[in-house]
Amino acid sequence: METKRNRAFYFVLLPVLAWLMILIFIPHIELLVNSFKVDGQESWTLENYTDFFTNRIYWMTLVKTVSYAIGVTILAFIVAFPVAFYLTKVVSKRYVGPLTMLLLVPLWVGELITIYGWMIILGDHGIINQFLIDLGWIEKPLPLLYNDFSMILGLLYMSVLFMIVPIMSTLESLDDSLIEAASDLGAGKWTIIRRIVIPYAMPGIVSGSIIVFMLVIGDYLAPNILGGKSSLWFTEQIYNQFLSTFNWNEGAAFGFLLLLISSLIVWIALKVSGQKLERVGS
């Protein structure tokens, strides 16, 4: 019996390991090797990495990308936590399913279509500007598109659901009697949220934050289309190195710098929050 279980385990595990090796591990190793090479030279070099630190545009773009990704993650938590708490602890159980389905609707539409939808809403002749002009509140369209505002709005919209779901998953197991007992003992709403709900939901919060942060920092379409030329994003620099200048070696170096920085930030977040990766990922 035990032998059959082991065979079944390896039967499921081997395709997963093969998938990870072929599509993730081997390509990343190849990129890592290429990041230490320069066309025309056989020896390994740090030239691709030194180019990054000596070019102000490159490292300032990375700093901006990281800062905005952290900011969008914080905004996603601010938006997602009340929604998750309402769906798990306030609304009637029979409405949770339909409301959750409504939250999942944006995932049914591709990111590119979603971005063009925001362009229709935020454009000079879009719904918002046209509505304000018709009311007589403004005389000329507001610059809502092709700037940091539209970029952040698009990134937030496309990532907030990935914050809501982990928090909901954690809060569902929170015993309502704990909240009732705290209320009976005279604790206010904010005290209950701060001392009971948020600490209990911390694994879901950290899990959602990691997912949102990694999605945002690695996004390309929203910053490039909604942000326009004024909103530089580091993934655009990587894209330019690979497909515009065809400098795959420097593009590989930039990609690994982004991976290293994002992994370091995730590690710091786990240490600061006191969470373990095994608990967050479960």
Protein backbone atom coordinates (compact mmCIF):
# COMPACT_ATOMS: atom_id res chain seq x y z
CA MET A 1 0.00 0.00 0.00
CA GLU A 2 2.79 2.35 0.95
CA THR A 3 4.60 1.57 -2.32
CA LYS A 4 1.51 2.52 -4.32
CA ARG A 5 1.27 5.82 -2.46
CA ASN A 6 4.91 6.59 -3.17
CA ARG A 7 4.42 5.82 -6.84
CA ALA A 8 1.38 8.08 -6.99
CA PHE A 9 3.33 10.83 -5.22
CA TYR A 10 6.23 10.65 -7.67
CA PHE A 11 3.80 10.38 -10.58
CA VAL A 12 2.37 13.77 -9.60
CA LEU A 13 5.68 15.31 -8.51
CA LEU A 14 7.84 14.49 -11.54
CA PRO A 15 5.78 16.47 -14.11
CA VAL A 16 5.83 19.49 -11.78
CA LEU A 17 9.60 19.25 -11.34
CA ALA A 18 10.06 18.83 -15.10
CA TRP A 19 7.87 21.88 -15.71
CA LEU A 20 9.88 23.98 -13.23
CA MET A 21 13.23 22.80 -14.61
CA ILE A 22 12.42 23.34 -18.30
CA LEU A 23 10.47 26.60 -18.11
CA ILE A 24 11.92 28.34 -15.04
CA PHE A 25 15.18 26.96 -13.67
CA ILE A 26 17.11 26.30 -16.90
CA PRO A 27 16.12 29.61 -18.62
CA HIS A 28 17.03 31.58 -15.49
CA ILE A 29 20.42 29.89 -15.24
CA GLU A 30 21.05 30.70 -18.90
CA LEU A 31 20.10 34.35 -18.33
CA LEU A 32 22.32 34.51 -15.25
CA VAL A 33 25.28 33.24 -17.26
CA ASN A 34 24.54 35.70 -20.08
CA SER A 35 24.37 38.60 -17.62
CA PHE A 36 28.10 38.16 -16.96
CA LYS A 37 29.01 38.19 -20.64
CA VAL A 38 29.49 40.90 -23.26
CA ASP A 39 29.35 40.43 -27.03
CA GLY A 40 32.82 40.03 -28.44
CA GLN A 41 34.35 38.86 -25.15
CA GLU A 42 34.77 35.28 -24.01
CA SER A 43 35.65 36.03 -20.38
CA TRP A 44 33.05 36.84 -17.76
CA THR A 45 32.66 40.47 -16.71
CA LEU A 46 30.61 42.75 -14.45
CA GLU A 47 30.29 45.37 -17.17
CA ASN A 48 26.54 44.89 -17.59
CA TYR A 49 25.99 45.52 -13.88
CA THR A 50 28.36 48.48 -13.68
CA ASP A 51 26.50 50.05 -16.62
CA PHE A 52 23.37 49.96 -14.52
CA PHE A 53 24.90 51.74 -11.52
CA THR A 54 26.75 54.32 -13.61
CA ASN A 55 23.65 55.29 -15.60
CA ARG A 56 21.40 57.53 -13.52
CA ILE A 57 18.30 56.81 -15.62
CA TYR A 58 18.57 53.06 -15.03
CA TRP A 59 18.87 53.04 -11.25
CA MET A 60 16.47 55.95 -10.75
CA THR A 61 13.90 54.05 -12.79
CA LEU A 62 14.41 50.99 -10.58
CA VAL A 63 14.03 53.10 -7.43
CA LYS A 64 10.82 54.60 -8.81
CA THR A 65 9.48 51.18 -9.80
CA VAL A 66 10.14 49.70 -6.37
CA SER A 67 8.69 52.75 -4.57
CA TYR A 68 5.51 52.77 -6.64
CA ALA A 69 5.11 48.99 -6.30
CA ILE A 70 5.26 49.33 -2.51
CA GLY A 71 2.80 52.24 -2.66
CA VAL A 72 0.33 50.30 -4.82
CA THR A 73 0.61 47.34 -2.42
CA ILE A 74 -0.29 49.60 0.51
CA LEU A 75 -3.22 51.08 -1.42
CA ALA A 76 -4.37 47.57 -2.33
CA PHE A 77 -4.44 46.63 1.36
CA ILE A 78 -6.40 49.79 2.25
CA VAL A 79 -9.00 48.97 -0.41
CA ALA A 80 -9.04 45.20 0.05
CA PHE A 81 -9.24 44.82 3.84
CA PRO A 82 -12.68 46.45 4.33
CA VAL A 83 -14.04 44.48 1.37
CA ALA A 84 -12.67 41.18 2.69
CA PHE A 85 -13.95 41.88 6.22
CA TYR A 86 -17.39 42.83 4.91
CA LEU A 87 -17.70 39.69 2.80
CA THR A 88 -16.56 37.33 5.57
CA LYS A 89 -17.98 38.89 8.75
CA VAL A 90 -20.80 41.29 7.85
CA VAL A 91 -22.78 40.26 4.78
CA SER A 92 -25.19 37.32 4.90
CA LYS A 93 -23.66 33.98 3.89
CA ARG A 94 -26.09 33.57 0.99
CA TYR A 95 -24.76 36.74 -0.66
CA VAL A 96 -21.06 35.89 -0.27
CA GLY A 97 -20.99 33.65 -3.34
CA PRO A 98 -22.60 36.10 -5.79
CA LEU A 99 -20.55 39.04 -4.48
CA THR A 100 -17.34 37.03 -4.73
CA MET A 101 -18.23 36.14 -8.32
CA LEU A 102 -18.62 39.82 -9.10
CA LEU A 103 -15.12 40.40 -7.73
CA LEU A 104 -13.78 37.69 -10.05
CA VAL A 105 -15.32 39.22 -13.17
CA PRO A 106 -12.28 41.46 -13.91
CA LEU A 107 -10.14 38.32 -14.17
CA TRP A 108 -12.29 37.10 -17.05
CA VAL A 109 -11.18 40.07 -19.14
CA GLY A 110 -7.61 40.28 -20.40
CA GLU A 111 -5.26 42.90 -19.01
CA LEU A 112 -4.92 44.65 -22.36
CA ILE A 113 -8.70 45.04 -22.74
CA THR A 114 -8.93 46.30 -19.16
CA ILE A 115 -6.26 48.91 -19.84
CA TYR A 116 -8.04 50.17 -22.94
CA GLY A 117 -11.21 50.34 -20.88
CA TRP A 118 -9.45 52.69 -18.45
CA MET A 119 -8.25 54.75 -21.42
CA ILE A 120 -11.86 55.21 -22.49
CA ILE A 121 -12.79 56.31 -18.97
CA LEU A 122 -9.83 58.62 -18.30
CA GLY A 123 -9.17 60.09 -21.77
CA ASP A 124 -9.68 63.73 -22.73
CA HIS A 125 -12.95 62.74 -24.37
CA GLY A 126 -13.59 59.97 -21.88
CA ILE A 127 -16.53 59.37 -19.59
CA ILE A 128 -15.21 61.30 -16.58
CA ASN A 129 -14.07 64.42 -18.43
CA GLN A 130 -17.20 64.51 -20.60
CA PHE A 131 -19.41 64.18 -17.53
CA LEU A 132 -17.63 67.03 -15.71
CA ILE A 133 -17.76 69.25 -18.79
CA ASP A 134 -21.49 68.59 -19.25
CA LEU A 135 -22.07 69.59 -15.62
CA GLY A 136 -20.14 72.79 -16.22
CA TRP A 137 -17.63 72.05 -13.46
CA ILE A 138 -14.64 72.25 -15.82
CA GLU A 139 -14.04 74.02 -19.13
CA LYS A 140 -11.27 71.80 -20.51
CA PRO A 141 -10.46 68.12 -19.94
CA LEU A 142 -8.44 67.17 -16.89
CA PRO A 143 -5.11 65.40 -17.56
CA LEU A 144 -6.19 62.05 -16.15
CA LEU A 145 -4.38 59.86 -18.66
CA TYR A 146 -0.72 59.20 -19.54
CA ASN A 147 0.65 60.08 -16.13
CA ASP A 148 1.47 58.47 -12.79
CA PHE A 149 -2.14 58.80 -11.62
CA SER A 150 -3.58 56.67 -14.43
CA MET A 151 -0.72 54.20 -14.11
CA ILE A 152 -1.27 53.70 -10.37
CA LEU A 153 -5.03 53.43 -10.86
CA GLY A 154 -4.60 50.75 -13.51
CA LEU A 155 -2.07 48.78 -11.45
CA LEU A 156 -4.30 48.99 -8.38
CA TYR A 157 -7.40 47.85 -10.24
CA MET A 158 -5.67 44.84 -11.76
CA SER A 159 -4.00 43.69 -8.54
CA VAL A 160 -6.39 44.47 -5.69
CA LEU A 161 -8.30 41.20 -6.14
CA PHE A 162 -5.11 39.28 -5.34
CA MET A 163 -5.10 41.05 -1.98
CA ILE A 164 -8.78 40.46 -1.25
CA VAL A 165 -8.78 36.69 -1.77
CA PRO A 166 -5.94 35.77 0.68
CA ILE A 167 -7.36 38.06 3.38
CA MET A 168 -10.83 36.54 2.91
CA SER A 169 -9.35 33.05 3.13
CA THR A 170 -7.74 33.91 6.48
CA LEU A 171 -10.67 35.79 7.99
CA GLU A 172 -13.11 32.97 7.21
CA SER A 173 -11.53 30.89 9.99
CA LEU A 174 -11.72 33.73 12.55
CA ASP A 175 -14.18 32.75 15.29
CA ASP A 176 -16.90 35.41 15.51
CA SER A 177 -17.14 34.80 19.26
CA LEU A 178 -13.75 36.49 19.72
CA ILE A 179 -15.11 39.69 18.21
CA GLU A 180 -18.31 39.43 20.23
CA ALA A 181 -16.38 38.83 23.47
CA ALA A 182 -14.14 41.84 22.83
CA SER A 183 -17.21 43.98 22.14
CA ASP A 184 -18.93 42.79 25.33
CA LEU A 185 -15.82 43.74 27.30
CA GLY A 186 -16.06 47.31 26.01
CA ALA A 187 -13.56 47.28 23.15
CA GLY A 188 -14.35 49.72 20.36
CA LYS A 189 -14.50 48.83 16.67
CA TRP A 190 -11.03 50.18 15.89
CA THR A 191 -9.56 48.39 18.90
CA ILE A 192 -11.10 45.10 17.78
CA ILE A 193 -9.76 45.54 14.27
CA ARG A 194 -6.32 46.60 15.48
CA ARG A 195 -5.89 44.06 18.29
CA ILE A 196 -7.80 41.03 17.00
CA VAL A 197 -8.75 41.11 13.31
CA ILE A 198 -5.54 42.44 11.74
CA PRO A 199 -3.16 40.22 13.80
CA TYR A 200 -5.27 37.16 12.97
CA ALA A 201 -5.41 38.08 9.28
CA MET A 202 -1.68 38.85 9.09
CA PRO A 203 -0.75 35.68 7.15
CA GLY A 204 -3.33 36.56 4.49
CA ILE A 205 -2.25 40.19 4.46
CA VAL A 206 1.39 39.29 3.98
CA SER A 207 0.53 36.67 1.35
CA GLY A 208 -1.61 39.14 -0.58
CA SER A 209 1.04 41.85 -0.26
CA ILE A 210 3.71 39.58 -1.71
CA ILE A 211 1.50 38.61 -4.65
CA VAL A 212 0.45 42.20 -5.37
CA PHE A 213 3.98 43.55 -5.03
CA MET A 214 5.45 40.95 -7.38
CA LEU A 215 2.67 41.45 -9.93
CA VAL A 216 3.01 45.23 -9.89
CA ILE A 217 6.81 45.41 -9.98
CA GLY A 218 6.88 43.01 -12.92
CA ASP A 219 4.02 44.56 -14.89
CA TYR A 220 4.70 46.00 -18.32
CA LEU A 221 1.43 46.88 -20.05
CA ALA A 222 -0.14 49.23 -17.49
CA PRO A 223 2.96 51.43 -16.96
CA ASN A 224 3.75 51.51 -20.66
CA ILE A 225 0.24 52.26 -21.95
CA LEU A 226 -1.52 54.10 -19.11
CA GLY A 227 1.58 55.86 -17.81
CA GLY A 228 2.84 56.92 -21.20
CA LYS A 229 6.35 58.14 -21.88
CA SER A 230 6.51 60.21 -18.69
CA SER A 231 6.06 57.19 -16.40
CA LEU A 232 9.27 55.18 -16.69
CA TRP A 233 9.06 51.60 -15.39
CA PHE A 234 11.98 49.22 -15.00
CA THR A 235 10.33 46.43 -16.99
CA GLU A 236 10.31 48.82 -19.94
CA GLN A 237 14.08 49.18 -19.58
CA ILE A 238 14.42 45.39 -19.63
CA TYR A 239 12.16 45.19 -22.69
CA ASN A 240 14.23 47.82 -24.49
CA GLN A 241 17.45 45.94 -23.81
CA PHE A 242 16.05 42.67 -25.12
CA LEU A 243 13.91 43.72 -28.07
CA SER A 244 14.90 47.29 -28.99
CA THR A 245 18.69 47.29 -28.73
CA PHE A 246 18.98 43.45 -28.81
CA ASN A 247 21.45 43.59 -25.93
CA TRP A 248 20.41 40.33 -24.27
CA ASN A 249 23.37 40.32 -21.91
CA GLU A 250 22.50 43.66 -20.34
CA GLY A 251 18.80 42.79 -20.40
CA ALA A 252 19.59 39.60 -18.46
CA ALA A 253 21.57 41.62 -15.91
CA PHE A 254 18.69 44.07 -15.47
CA GLY A 255 16.23 41.21 -15.07
CA PHE A 256 18.31 39.60 -12.34
CA LEU A 257 18.71 42.92 -10.56
CA LEU A 258 14.93 43.28 -10.50
CA LEU A 259 14.56 39.70 -9.23
CA LEU A 260 17.20 40.26 -6.55
CA ILE A 261 15.73 43.55 -5.30
CA SER A 262 12.13 42.26 -5.25
CA SER A 263 13.19 39.06 -3.42
CA LEU A 264 15.11 41.14 -0.87
CA ILE A 265 12.07 43.33 -0.22
CA VAL A 266 9.85 40.28 0.23
CA TRP A 267 12.37 38.82 2.70
CA ILE A 268 12.46 42.10 4.66
CA ALA A 269 8.64 42.20 4.72
CA LEU A 270 8.51 38.67 6.14
CA LYS A 271 11.05 39.57 8.83
CA VAL A 272 9.30 42.81 9.80
CA SER A 273 5.86 41.18 9.94
CA GLY A 274 7.18 38.16 11.85
CA GLN A 275 5.62 35.74 9.36
CA LYS A 276 7.17 32.60 7.93
CA LEU A 277 7.00 31.81 4.24
CA GLU A 278 5.54 28.35 4.94
CA ARG A 279 2.63 29.83 6.89
CA VAL A 280 2.04 32.63 4.41
CA GLY A 281 2.05 30.25 1.45
CA SER A 282 -0.28 27.73 3.04
